[in-house]
Amino acid sequence: MQMQEKTMVSDILAGMNGELERYAQMIPQTDNKELKQCLKQFRNAAEQGQEELYQIAREKSYYVPAAQASQQEIEHVRSLFSSSGL
């Protein structure tokens, strides 16, 4: 049975998100500047590809993002982080 396009796009996006998470974990853990730069380049390319696929998914209504946060919600989150010293 063939996978439907929507399912394939969703699976690819999930894989790309996992890849980005792994880069986020690896980059700060290396002291090798050359390796760190290489990982950042891979991450940037992965982010670009993820963004392009995300836009296609939105155009085809395969993905519907959550509603935009209100200014009050944004300020609340900002206050949580500023009060915790982050």
N, C-alpha and C. Protein backbone atom coordinates (compact mmCIF):
# COMPACT_ATOMS: atom_id res chain seq x y z
N MET A 1 0.84 -1.19 0.00
CA MET A 1 0.00 0.00 0.00
C MET A 1 0.88 1.25 0.00
N GLN A 2 0.58 2.18 -0.89
CA GLN A 2 1.37 3.40 -0.97
C GLN A 2 0.93 4.38 0.11
N MET A 3 1.92 5.08 0.62
CA MET A 3 1.62 6.12 1.61
C MET A 3 1.03 7.32 0.89
N GLN A 4 0.12 7.98 1.52
CA GLN A 4 -0.43 9.18 0.95
C GLN A 4 0.58 10.32 1.11
N GLU A 5 0.48 11.29 0.22
CA GLU A 5 1.42 12.41 0.24
C GLU A 5 1.43 13.13 1.58
N LYS A 6 0.28 13.35 2.16
CA LYS A 6 0.19 14.06 3.45
C LYS A 6 0.96 13.30 4.53
N THR A 7 0.81 11.99 4.55
CA THR A 7 1.50 11.16 5.54
C THR A 7 3.00 11.21 5.32
N MET A 8 3.42 11.15 4.07
CA MET A 8 4.85 11.21 3.77
C MET A 8 5.44 12.54 4.20
N VAL A 9 4.76 13.64 3.90
CA VAL A 9 5.25 14.97 4.29
C VAL A 9 5.35 15.05 5.81
N SER A 10 4.34 14.57 6.49
CA SER A 10 4.33 14.59 7.95
C SER A 10 5.50 13.78 8.52
N ASP A 11 5.73 12.61 7.97
CA ASP A 11 6.83 11.76 8.43
C ASP A 11 8.19 12.42 8.18
N ILE A 12 8.34 13.03 7.03
CA ILE A 12 9.61 13.70 6.71
C ILE A 12 9.83 14.88 7.64
N LEU A 13 8.78 15.67 7.89
CA LEU A 13 8.92 16.80 8.81
C LEU A 13 9.30 16.32 10.21
N ALA A 14 8.70 15.24 10.66
CA ALA A 14 9.03 14.70 11.98
C ALA A 14 10.50 14.28 12.03
N GLY A 15 10.97 13.64 10.96
CA GLY A 15 12.37 13.25 10.90
C GLY A 15 13.30 14.44 10.89
N MET A 16 12.93 15.47 10.15
CA MET A 16 13.76 16.67 10.09
C MET A 16 13.79 17.36 11.45
N ASN A 17 12.67 17.39 12.14
CA ASN A 17 12.63 18.00 13.47
C ASN A 17 13.54 17.23 14.43
N GLY A 18 13.54 15.90 14.32
CA GLY A 18 14.43 15.10 15.14
C GLY A 18 15.90 15.39 14.84
N GLU A 19 16.19 15.55 13.56
CA GLU A 19 17.56 15.88 13.14
C GLU A 19 17.99 17.22 13.74
N LEU A 20 17.10 18.20 13.69
CA LEU A 20 17.41 19.52 14.25
C LEU A 20 17.64 19.43 15.76
N GLU A 21 16.87 18.60 16.45
CA GLU A 21 17.06 18.41 17.89
C GLU A 21 18.44 17.81 18.18
N ARG A 22 18.85 16.86 17.35
CA ARG A 22 20.17 16.24 17.55
C ARG A 22 21.28 17.26 17.34
N TYR A 23 21.16 18.10 16.33
CA TYR A 23 22.16 19.15 16.13
C TYR A 23 22.19 20.09 17.34
N ALA A 24 21.02 20.44 17.86
CA ALA A 24 20.95 21.33 19.02
C ALA A 24 21.65 20.72 20.23
N GLN A 25 21.65 19.40 20.32
CA GLN A 25 22.34 18.73 21.42
C GLN A 25 23.84 18.63 21.17
N MET A 26 24.23 18.37 19.93
CA MET A 26 25.64 18.13 19.62
C MET A 26 26.47 19.41 19.61
N ILE A 27 25.93 20.47 19.04
CA ILE A 27 26.72 21.69 18.83
C ILE A 27 27.34 22.21 20.13
N PRO A 28 26.58 22.39 21.19
CA PRO A 28 27.21 22.94 22.40
C PRO A 28 28.11 21.94 23.13
N GLN A 29 28.09 20.67 22.74
CA GLN A 29 28.87 19.66 23.44
C GLN A 29 30.25 19.42 22.85
N THR A 30 30.58 20.11 21.78
CA THR A 30 31.91 19.90 21.19
C THR A 30 32.80 21.12 21.43
N ASP A 31 34.05 20.83 21.73
CA ASP A 31 35.04 21.90 21.90
C ASP A 31 35.81 22.15 20.60
N ASN A 32 35.67 21.25 19.65
CA ASN A 32 36.37 21.36 18.38
C ASN A 32 35.67 22.41 17.53
N LYS A 33 36.33 23.55 17.32
CA LYS A 33 35.70 24.66 16.59
C LYS A 33 35.35 24.30 15.16
N GLU A 34 36.20 23.52 14.51
CA GLU A 34 35.93 23.13 13.13
C GLU A 34 34.70 22.22 13.06
N LEU A 35 34.62 21.26 13.96
CA LEU A 35 33.46 20.38 14.02
C LEU A 35 32.20 21.16 14.35
N LYS A 36 32.32 22.08 15.30
CA LYS A 36 31.17 22.90 15.69
C LYS A 36 30.65 23.69 14.49
N GLN A 37 31.56 24.29 13.72
CA GLN A 37 31.17 25.06 12.54
C GLN A 37 30.50 24.17 11.50
N CYS A 38 31.06 22.98 11.31
CA CYS A 38 30.49 22.02 10.35
C CYS A 38 29.07 21.63 10.78
N LEU A 39 28.88 21.32 12.06
CA LEU A 39 27.56 20.96 12.56
C LEU A 39 26.56 22.12 12.40
N LYS A 40 27.04 23.34 12.61
CA LYS A 40 26.17 24.51 12.43
C LYS A 40 25.74 24.65 10.97
N GLN A 41 26.66 24.38 10.05
CA GLN A 41 26.31 24.44 8.63
C GLN A 41 25.28 23.38 8.28
N PHE A 42 25.47 22.17 8.80
CA PHE A 42 24.47 21.11 8.58
C PHE A 42 23.12 21.50 9.17
N ARG A 43 23.16 22.05 10.38
CA ARG A 43 21.92 22.47 11.03
C ARG A 43 21.21 23.54 10.22
N ASN A 44 21.97 24.52 9.74
CA ASN A 44 21.37 25.60 8.95
C ASN A 44 20.73 25.06 7.67
N ALA A 45 21.40 24.13 7.02
CA ALA A 45 20.84 23.52 5.80
C ALA A 45 19.58 22.73 6.14
N ALA A 46 19.62 22.01 7.26
CA ALA A 46 18.44 21.24 7.68
C ALA A 46 17.28 22.17 8.02
N GLU A 47 17.58 23.29 8.68
CA GLU A 47 16.53 24.26 9.01
C GLU A 47 15.90 24.84 7.75
N GLN A 48 16.73 25.14 6.76
CA GLN A 48 16.22 25.68 5.51
C GLN A 48 15.31 24.66 4.82
N GLY A 49 15.75 23.42 4.76
CA GLY A 49 14.93 22.37 4.15
C GLY A 49 13.64 22.15 4.91
N GLN A 50 13.71 22.17 6.23
CA GLN A 50 12.52 21.99 7.05
C GLN A 50 11.54 23.13 6.81
N GLU A 51 12.04 24.34 6.73
CA GLU A 51 11.17 25.51 6.50
C GLU A 51 10.50 25.43 5.14
N GLU A 52 11.25 25.01 4.11
CA GLU A 52 10.66 24.89 2.78
C GLU A 52 9.56 23.83 2.75
N LEU A 53 9.81 22.68 3.38
CA LEU A 53 8.79 21.64 3.42
C LEU A 53 7.60 22.06 4.26
N TYR A 54 7.85 22.76 5.34
CA TYR A 54 6.79 23.29 6.19
C TYR A 54 5.87 24.22 5.39
N GLN A 55 6.46 25.09 4.58
CA GLN A 55 5.67 26.02 3.77
C GLN A 55 4.81 25.25 2.76
N ILE A 56 5.36 24.23 2.16
CA ILE A 56 4.59 23.40 1.22
C ILE A 56 3.43 22.73 1.96
N ALA A 57 3.72 22.19 3.15
CA ALA A 57 2.68 21.53 3.95
C ALA A 57 1.56 22.51 4.31
N ARG A 58 1.92 23.72 4.64
CA ARG A 58 0.90 24.74 4.97
C ARG A 58 0.07 25.09 3.73
N GLU A 59 0.74 25.27 2.59
CA GLU A 59 0.03 25.62 1.36
C GLU A 59 -0.98 24.55 0.97
N LYS A 60 -0.65 23.29 1.23
CA LYS A 60 -1.53 22.18 0.87
C LYS A 60 -2.49 21.82 2.00
N SER A 61 -2.45 22.61 3.07
CA SER A 61 -3.27 22.38 4.27
C SER A 61 -2.99 21.02 4.92
N TYR A 62 -1.76 20.54 4.77
CA TYR A 62 -1.34 19.33 5.45
C TYR A 62 -1.00 19.63 6.90
N TYR A 63 -0.65 20.88 7.15
CA TYR A 63 -0.28 21.30 8.49
C TYR A 63 -0.97 22.62 8.77
N VAL A 64 -1.64 22.69 9.89
CA VAL A 64 -2.30 23.92 10.31
C VAL A 64 -1.67 24.32 11.64
N PRO A 65 -0.96 25.44 11.66
CA PRO A 65 -0.28 25.84 12.90
C PRO A 65 -1.28 26.25 13.98
N ALA A 66 -0.81 26.23 15.20
CA ALA A 66 -1.63 26.69 16.32
C ALA A 66 -1.93 28.18 16.14
N ALA A 67 -2.97 28.63 16.82
CA ALA A 67 -3.33 30.05 16.76
C ALA A 67 -2.18 30.90 17.31
N GLN A 68 -2.06 32.10 16.78
CA GLN A 68 -1.03 33.02 17.24
C GLN A 68 -1.27 33.38 18.70
N ALA A 69 -0.18 33.50 19.45
CA ALA A 69 -0.28 33.90 20.85
C ALA A 69 -0.67 35.37 20.94
N SER A 70 -1.47 35.68 21.93
CA SER A 70 -1.85 37.08 22.15
C SER A 70 -0.68 37.83 22.78
N GLN A 71 -0.73 39.13 22.73
CA GLN A 71 0.33 39.94 23.34
C GLN A 71 0.39 39.67 24.84
N GLN A 72 -0.76 39.45 25.46
CA GLN A 72 -0.81 39.15 26.89
C GLN A 72 -0.09 37.82 27.19
N GLU A 73 -0.32 36.82 26.35
CA GLU A 73 0.35 35.54 26.54
C GLU A 73 1.86 35.67 26.36
N ILE A 74 2.28 36.44 25.37
CA ILE A 74 3.70 36.66 25.13
C ILE A 74 4.34 37.35 26.33
N GLU A 75 3.68 38.37 26.85
CA GLU A 75 4.21 39.09 28.01
C GLU A 75 4.28 38.18 29.23
N HIS A 76 3.30 37.31 29.39
CA HIS A 76 3.30 36.38 30.52
C HIS A 76 4.52 35.45 30.45
N VAL A 77 4.77 34.88 29.28
CA VAL A 77 5.93 33.99 29.11
C VAL A 77 7.22 34.78 29.31
N ARG A 78 7.27 35.97 28.78
CA ARG A 78 8.47 36.81 28.94
C ARG A 78 8.73 37.07 30.43
N SER A 79 7.67 37.35 31.18
CA SER A 79 7.83 37.62 32.61
C SER A 79 8.30 36.37 33.36
N LEU A 80 7.85 35.19 32.93
CA LEU A 80 8.30 33.95 33.56
C LEU A 80 9.81 33.77 33.39
N PHE A 81 10.29 34.07 32.20
CA PHE A 81 11.72 33.89 31.94
C PHE A 81 12.54 34.97 32.60
N SER A 82 12.05 36.19 32.61
CA SER A 82 12.84 37.27 33.22
C SER A 82 12.87 37.14 34.74
N SER A 83 11.83 36.59 35.35
CA SER A 83 11.83 36.42 36.80
C SER A 83 12.66 35.24 37.23
N SER A 84 12.92 34.30 36.31
CA SER A 84 13.74 33.13 36.67
C SER A 84 15.22 33.37 36.42
N GLY A 85 15.54 34.55 35.92
CA GLY A 85 16.95 34.89 35.69
C GLY A 85 17.50 34.36 34.38
N LEU A 86 16.67 33.89 33.47
CA LEU A 86 17.15 33.39 32.18
C LEU A 86 17.33 34.48 31.19
